[in-house]
Amino acid sequence: MMEKKSEKATLHQKLETVISEMVDKELHLDDALREFQKIYLETAMKKYRGNKSRIAKALGMHRNTLHCRAERLKIHKK
């Protein structure tokens, strides 16, 4: 009996869909990367309730790097 393929899209497939839309709208790469980083960090901040040490550890970066990147992207605690 053949195994049924999973109906869930992989992360790669999901990203391909979003990226395809961005390319169709001619969004510049720098703008796309900035938006991705901002949403990524905001999502992590929600998950870890703003605990910068836990966020930095989970994302594999130094706490100071996280702080600087959040400032550059104009992310503020909500």
Protein backbone atom coordinates (compact mmCIF):
# COMPACT_ATOMS: atom_id res chain seq x y z
CA MET A 1 0.00 0.00 0.00
CA MET A 2 1.34 3.45 -0.92
CA GLU A 3 1.81 5.97 1.87
CA LYS A 4 -0.28 9.10 1.67
CA LYS A 5 1.74 12.30 1.19
CA SER A 6 1.32 14.83 3.96
CA GLU A 7 -1.18 17.53 3.08
CA LYS A 8 0.74 20.09 5.10
CA ALA A 9 3.07 22.34 3.15
CA THR A 10 6.70 22.37 4.20
CA LEU A 11 8.31 25.56 5.43
CA HIS A 12 10.14 25.79 2.11
CA GLN A 13 6.89 25.55 0.16
CA LYS A 14 5.22 28.20 2.34
CA LEU A 15 8.13 30.57 1.85
CA GLU A 16 8.14 29.96 -1.90
CA THR A 17 4.48 31.05 -2.03
CA VAL A 18 5.09 34.26 -0.06
CA ILE A 19 8.27 35.07 -1.96
CA SER A 20 6.51 34.53 -5.28
CA GLU A 21 3.94 37.16 -4.27
CA MET A 22 6.71 39.57 -3.24
CA VAL A 23 8.51 39.12 -6.57
CA ASP A 24 5.24 39.59 -8.48
CA LYS A 25 4.77 42.92 -6.64
CA GLU A 26 8.40 43.83 -7.44
CA LEU A 27 9.28 44.32 -3.78
CA HIS A 28 12.97 45.14 -3.46
CA LEU A 29 15.10 42.51 -1.74
CA ASP A 30 16.24 44.90 1.02
CA ASP A 31 12.62 45.77 1.82
CA ALA A 32 11.62 42.10 1.84
CA LEU A 33 14.50 41.16 4.16
CA ARG A 34 13.73 44.05 6.50
CA GLU A 35 10.04 43.07 6.69
CA PHE A 36 10.91 39.40 7.28
CA GLN A 37 13.32 40.29 10.10
CA LYS A 38 10.83 42.63 11.71
CA ILE A 39 8.01 40.07 11.72
CA TYR A 40 10.40 37.30 12.82
CA LEU A 41 11.66 39.31 15.79
CA GLU A 42 8.18 40.55 16.75
CA THR A 43 6.91 36.96 16.73
CA ALA A 44 9.81 35.80 18.92
CA MET A 45 9.21 38.71 21.29
CA LYS A 46 5.59 37.66 21.71
CA LYS A 47 6.54 34.03 22.29
CA TYR A 48 9.16 34.87 24.93
CA ARG A 49 7.18 37.81 26.35
CA GLY A 50 9.93 40.32 25.61
CA ASN A 51 12.66 38.44 27.52
CA LYS A 52 15.61 39.51 25.39
CA SER A 53 18.00 36.93 26.82
CA ARG A 54 15.64 34.06 25.95
CA ILE A 55 14.87 35.54 22.53
CA ALA A 56 18.55 35.97 21.69
CA LYS A 57 19.36 32.41 22.80
CA ALA A 58 16.46 30.95 20.78
CA LEU A 59 17.49 32.88 17.66
CA GLY A 60 21.20 32.11 18.04
CA MET A 61 22.41 35.67 18.48
CA HIS A 62 23.98 37.80 21.19
CA ARG A 63 21.58 39.85 23.31
CA ASN A 64 23.28 43.09 22.24
CA THR A 65 22.90 42.14 18.57
CA LEU A 66 19.19 41.53 19.17
CA HIS A 67 18.85 44.91 20.88
CA CYS A 68 20.62 46.75 18.03
CA ARG A 69 18.63 44.95 15.35
CA ALA A 70 15.32 45.69 17.13
CA GLU A 71 16.28 49.38 17.33
CA ARG A 72 17.28 49.48 13.66
CA LEU A 73 13.97 47.88 12.68
CA LYS A 74 12.07 50.22 15.01
CA ILE A 75 10.62 47.40 17.08
CA HIS A 76 9.38 48.54 20.47
CA LYS A 77 7.90 46.56 23.34
CA LYS A 78 4.17 46.52 23.14
